[in-house]
Amino acid sequence: FRSCFEQLEKYYLKSLDHQGINFKTTDHKAMRAKSLLGEIETLFDDRQEQIADGTGGDVSGPHLTLLYPDKMIFDDAAGLIVHHLKRQTGIHGDDKRKIKEFMFHSVPDLFAARRGELSDDEDEDDDGGDVVETEGKQQFQPGPGSYSLIFGNNTYYVFLRLHHTLCERLFRIYRQAVTIAETEAPYRQMEKDSTAVALRLRALTEIDIEEYYPAFLDMVKNLLDGEEGGLVKGACLVQHPVPSPRC
């Protein structure tokens, strides 16, 4: 019986992700550079046709508008990107430092957000390089009604689209984790071990409800390191939490 239960536990969380295969296929196709560029090119062509036909009405303004849910997610997104970057052996140490500074300083400056910290307590790069020194550089402080304007090629456009998608999804996970913590808070003092736990048939979760989002970020890093199972468990943990006993 115990062996059967362990097998059920092993595949239970994965079974909650029954649409994962279809989602990965569709999402991978939508996130390709060719698809992202094709979308904006189609919008541009439609705008040009409206101007030529005189049927578009007000055709001023951007072709595409994307809203970032919360600028606080920038640090988390940059942290995941840099974590993956440091494990790429084909990128030179100097380029890694420039990309890191771009993620923690240039990107927040573009959106008038708080800069991230370029700490020197992270894992050392393979080439033993030092962290980029950025002391003395001034962060852009926008005034009322100001905005940032950047001219870039297709590479910049694709990066910003993917960066927006990453931030948007991280914020959804964060918001869901906060909702779970708020919902479960009134019952934390009344929780009791279930019969399965008392019989040692099920281990108590090692993650506190308040730590779901940081734990999820750690599981994403594990995925980037090649441990796929951890992310499946983390995503299901946030999306399908095991309800606490109401006693």
Protein backbone atom coordinates (compact mmCIF):
# COMPACT_ATOMS: atom_id res chain seq x y z
CA PHE A 1 0.00 0.00 0.00
CA ARG A 2 2.76 2.40 0.91
CA SER A 3 4.55 1.81 -2.38
CA CYS A 4 1.34 2.44 -4.30
CA PHE A 5 0.73 5.65 -2.37
CA GLU A 6 4.24 6.90 -3.08
CA GLN A 7 3.68 6.37 -6.80
CA LEU A 8 0.42 8.31 -6.63
CA GLU A 9 2.14 11.15 -4.78
CA LYS A 10 4.93 11.19 -7.34
CA TYR A 11 2.61 11.78 -10.28
CA TYR A 12 -0.23 13.67 -8.59
CA LEU A 13 1.17 17.17 -9.05
CA LYS A 14 2.25 16.38 -12.58
CA SER A 15 -1.27 15.19 -13.39
CA LEU A 16 -2.62 18.63 -12.51
CA ASP A 17 -0.61 19.98 -15.43
CA HIS A 18 -2.60 17.93 -17.95
CA GLN A 19 -2.56 20.76 -20.49
CA GLY A 20 1.15 21.35 -20.14
CA ILE A 21 2.20 19.63 -23.36
CA ASN A 22 -0.29 21.54 -25.52
CA PHE A 23 0.57 24.81 -23.80
CA LYS A 24 4.30 24.36 -24.29
CA THR A 25 3.85 23.70 -28.00
CA THR A 26 1.59 26.70 -28.55
CA ASP A 27 3.61 28.99 -26.32
CA HIS A 28 6.92 28.06 -27.92
CA LYS A 29 5.51 28.90 -31.34
CA ALA A 30 4.10 32.23 -30.16
CA MET A 31 7.36 33.24 -28.46
CA ARG A 32 9.53 32.73 -31.51
CA ALA A 33 11.19 35.84 -32.88
CA LYS A 34 9.57 35.22 -36.25
CA SER A 35 6.07 35.21 -34.71
CA LEU A 36 6.69 38.34 -32.63
CA LEU A 37 8.10 40.26 -35.58
CA GLY A 38 5.31 39.04 -37.83
CA GLU A 39 2.72 40.39 -35.40
CA ILE A 40 4.08 43.93 -35.32
CA GLU A 41 4.68 43.92 -39.08
CA THR A 42 1.05 42.95 -39.63
CA LEU A 43 -0.09 45.79 -37.38
CA PHE A 44 2.13 48.20 -39.31
CA ASP A 45 0.76 47.04 -42.67
CA ASP A 46 -2.82 47.38 -41.42
CA ARG A 47 -2.09 50.93 -40.27
CA GLN A 48 -0.61 51.82 -43.65
CA GLU A 49 -3.66 50.43 -45.47
CA GLN A 50 -5.98 52.45 -43.24
CA ILE A 51 -4.01 55.60 -43.99
CA ALA A 52 -4.07 54.91 -47.73
CA ASP A 53 -7.80 54.17 -47.76
CA GLY A 54 -8.68 56.98 -45.38
CA THR A 55 -10.86 54.59 -43.36
CA GLY A 56 -8.79 54.30 -40.22
CA GLY A 57 -9.99 57.38 -38.37
CA ASP A 58 -7.37 58.34 -35.78
CA VAL A 59 -4.28 56.39 -36.82
CA SER A 60 -1.84 58.20 -34.55
CA GLY A 61 -0.17 56.61 -31.56
CA PRO A 62 1.70 53.35 -31.10
CA HIS A 63 1.00 50.24 -33.11
CA LEU A 64 1.11 48.10 -29.98
CA THR A 65 0.73 48.93 -26.28
CA LEU A 66 1.90 46.57 -23.54
CA LEU A 67 1.38 47.35 -19.85
CA TYR A 68 3.75 46.09 -17.18
CA PRO A 69 1.73 44.99 -14.13
CA ASP A 70 4.27 46.03 -11.49
CA LYS A 71 7.81 47.38 -11.76
CA MET A 72 8.91 45.49 -8.65
CA ILE A 73 8.99 42.33 -10.79
CA PHE A 74 11.95 43.74 -12.79
CA ASP A 75 14.45 42.52 -10.18
CA ASP A 76 13.02 39.00 -10.21
CA ALA A 77 13.03 38.82 -14.01
CA ALA A 78 16.59 40.15 -14.18
CA GLY A 79 17.69 37.69 -11.51
CA LEU A 80 16.38 34.72 -13.49
CA ILE A 81 17.96 35.95 -16.72
CA VAL A 82 21.33 36.54 -15.07
CA HIS A 83 21.14 33.16 -13.31
CA HIS A 84 20.75 31.46 -16.69
CA LEU A 85 23.35 33.72 -18.28
CA LYS A 86 26.09 32.77 -15.83
CA ARG A 87 25.76 29.13 -16.86
CA GLN A 88 26.36 29.83 -20.54
CA THR A 89 29.95 28.82 -21.27
CA GLY A 90 29.90 30.29 -24.77
CA ILE A 91 29.56 33.90 -23.55
CA HIS A 92 32.70 35.79 -22.51
CA GLY A 93 32.95 37.18 -19.00
CA ASP A 94 33.04 40.80 -20.18
CA ASP A 95 29.86 40.28 -22.18
CA LYS A 96 28.19 38.67 -19.18
CA ARG A 97 28.98 41.69 -17.04
CA LYS A 98 27.62 44.06 -19.69
CA ILE A 99 24.40 42.05 -19.98
CA LYS A 100 24.04 42.01 -16.21
CA GLU A 101 24.43 45.79 -16.03
CA PHE A 102 21.95 46.15 -18.89
CA MET A 103 19.36 44.05 -17.04
CA PHE A 104 19.75 45.66 -13.62
CA HIS A 105 20.39 49.26 -14.70
CA SER A 106 19.51 50.04 -18.32
CA VAL A 107 16.16 48.27 -18.38
CA PRO A 108 14.90 49.88 -15.12
CA ASP A 109 16.12 53.27 -16.39
CA LEU A 110 14.06 52.79 -19.55
CA PHE A 111 10.91 52.36 -17.45
CA ALA A 112 11.86 54.87 -14.73
CA ALA A 113 12.00 52.06 -12.18
CA ARG A 114 14.34 51.49 -9.26
CA ARG A 115 17.69 50.08 -10.30
CA GLY A 116 18.72 46.64 -9.19
CA GLU A 117 21.89 46.01 -7.22
CA LEU A 118 25.02 44.63 -8.85
CA SER A 119 26.14 42.65 -5.84
CA ASP A 120 29.51 40.95 -5.62
CA ASP A 121 28.33 38.05 -3.43
CA GLU A 122 27.02 35.91 -6.28
CA ASP A 123 28.69 32.83 -7.68
CA GLU A 124 31.90 33.71 -9.44
CA ASP A 125 32.07 33.38 -13.20
CA ASP A 126 34.24 30.72 -14.75
CA ASP A 127 36.82 33.32 -15.76
CA GLY A 128 36.99 34.77 -12.26
CA GLY A 129 35.99 38.23 -13.43
CA ASP A 130 34.96 41.02 -11.11
CA VAL A 131 31.56 42.65 -10.98
CA VAL A 132 31.12 45.77 -13.09
CA GLU A 133 31.75 48.95 -11.15
CA THR A 134 28.90 51.38 -11.68
CA GLU A 135 29.53 53.88 -8.91
CA GLY A 136 29.07 57.46 -9.97
CA LYS A 137 26.57 56.70 -12.72
CA GLN A 138 23.39 58.66 -12.29
CA GLN A 139 20.00 57.05 -12.71
CA PHE A 140 17.53 58.83 -14.96
CA GLN A 141 14.85 60.63 -12.96
CA PRO A 142 11.84 61.43 -15.13
CA GLY A 143 9.79 64.55 -14.61
CA PRO A 144 6.01 64.91 -14.84
CA GLY A 145 4.68 63.86 -18.23
CA SER A 146 8.06 62.63 -19.47
CA TYR A 147 8.69 59.36 -21.24
CA SER A 148 11.56 57.26 -22.57
CA LEU A 149 12.15 56.86 -26.29
CA ILE A 150 14.46 54.16 -27.62
CA PHE A 151 15.43 53.37 -31.19
CA GLY A 152 16.39 49.76 -31.72
CA ASN A 153 16.50 46.93 -34.21
CA ASN A 154 14.53 43.68 -34.26
CA THR A 155 16.70 42.24 -31.50
CA TYR A 156 15.70 44.98 -29.05
CA TYR A 157 12.05 44.61 -29.98
CA VAL A 158 12.03 40.84 -29.46
CA PHE A 159 13.85 41.24 -26.16
CA LEU A 160 11.32 43.76 -24.85
CA ARG A 161 8.41 41.53 -25.88
CA LEU A 162 9.92 38.51 -24.13
CA HIS A 163 10.84 40.61 -21.10
CA HIS A 164 7.26 41.85 -20.84
CA THR A 165 5.93 38.28 -21.07
CA LEU A 166 8.30 37.11 -18.34
CA CYS A 167 7.37 39.98 -16.01
CA GLU A 168 3.66 39.50 -16.65
CA ARG A 169 3.78 35.79 -15.82
CA LEU A 170 5.94 36.27 -12.75
CA PHE A 171 3.47 38.84 -11.46
CA ARG A 172 0.57 36.41 -11.97
CA ILE A 173 2.38 33.81 -9.88
CA TYR A 174 3.18 36.44 -7.24
CA ARG A 175 -0.42 37.64 -7.08
CA GLN A 176 -1.70 34.07 -6.82
CA ALA A 177 0.76 33.34 -4.00
CA VAL A 178 -0.39 36.44 -2.12
CA THR A 179 -4.03 35.44 -2.57
CA ILE A 180 -3.34 31.96 -1.19
CA ALA A 181 -1.50 33.37 1.81
CA GLU A 182 -4.33 35.79 2.58
CA THR A 183 -6.96 33.07 2.22
CA GLU A 184 -5.13 30.59 4.44
CA ALA A 185 -4.04 33.09 7.10
CA PRO A 186 -7.20 32.88 9.29
CA TYR A 187 -6.89 29.09 9.52
CA ARG A 188 -3.18 28.79 10.31
CA GLN A 189 -3.78 28.67 14.05
CA MET A 190 -6.43 25.97 13.69
CA GLU A 191 -4.52 23.56 11.49
CA LYS A 192 -4.12 19.98 12.62
CA ASP A 193 -2.25 17.11 11.07
CA SER A 194 -4.38 14.95 8.82
CA THR A 195 -4.68 11.21 9.30
CA ALA A 196 -2.33 10.61 6.37
CA VAL A 197 0.34 12.77 7.98
CA ALA A 198 -0.15 11.14 11.37
CA LEU A 199 0.38 7.71 9.79
CA ARG A 200 3.44 9.04 7.95
CA LEU A 201 1.84 8.34 4.62
CA ARG A 202 2.28 11.92 3.48
CA ALA A 203 5.07 14.30 4.37
CA LEU A 204 4.27 17.83 5.42
CA THR A 205 5.18 20.45 2.84
CA GLU A 206 8.50 22.09 3.60
CA ILE A 207 7.38 25.41 2.14
CA ASP A 208 5.47 27.94 4.21
CA ILE A 209 2.53 29.56 2.49
CA GLU A 210 4.18 32.97 2.77
CA GLU A 211 7.22 31.62 0.93
CA TYR A 212 5.42 30.21 -2.12
CA TYR A 213 6.64 32.91 -4.50
CA PRO A 214 10.33 32.87 -3.44
CA ALA A 215 10.19 29.07 -3.55
CA PHE A 216 8.75 29.25 -7.06
CA LEU A 217 11.65 31.47 -8.19
CA ASP A 218 14.09 28.93 -6.77
CA MET A 219 12.31 26.17 -8.68
CA VAL A 220 12.55 28.16 -11.90
CA LYS A 221 16.29 28.43 -11.32
CA ASN A 222 16.38 24.67 -10.80
CA LEU A 223 14.63 24.30 -14.15
CA LEU A 224 17.26 26.50 -15.78
CA ASP A 225 19.85 24.20 -14.23
CA GLY A 226 18.18 21.17 -15.79
CA GLU A 227 15.86 20.00 -13.00
CA GLU A 228 12.49 20.08 -14.76
CA GLY A 229 10.51 18.25 -12.10
CA GLY A 230 10.96 21.00 -9.55
CA LEU A 231 9.20 23.59 -11.68
CA VAL A 232 6.20 21.34 -12.34
CA LYS A 233 5.84 20.86 -8.61
CA GLY A 234 6.25 24.56 -7.91
CA ALA A 235 3.73 25.69 -10.51
CA CYS A 236 1.15 23.18 -9.29
CA LEU A 237 1.86 24.15 -5.68
CA VAL A 238 0.93 27.78 -6.38
CA GLN A 239 -1.94 27.10 -8.76
CA HIS A 240 -3.41 24.10 -6.88
CA PRO A 241 -2.48 24.40 -3.20
CA VAL A 242 -3.43 21.57 -0.91
CA PRO A 243 -6.24 22.98 1.27
CA SER A 244 -5.65 23.20 4.98
CA PRO A 245 -7.93 21.32 7.35
CA ARG A 246 -10.75 23.45 8.69
CA CYS A 247 -11.15 22.08 12.22
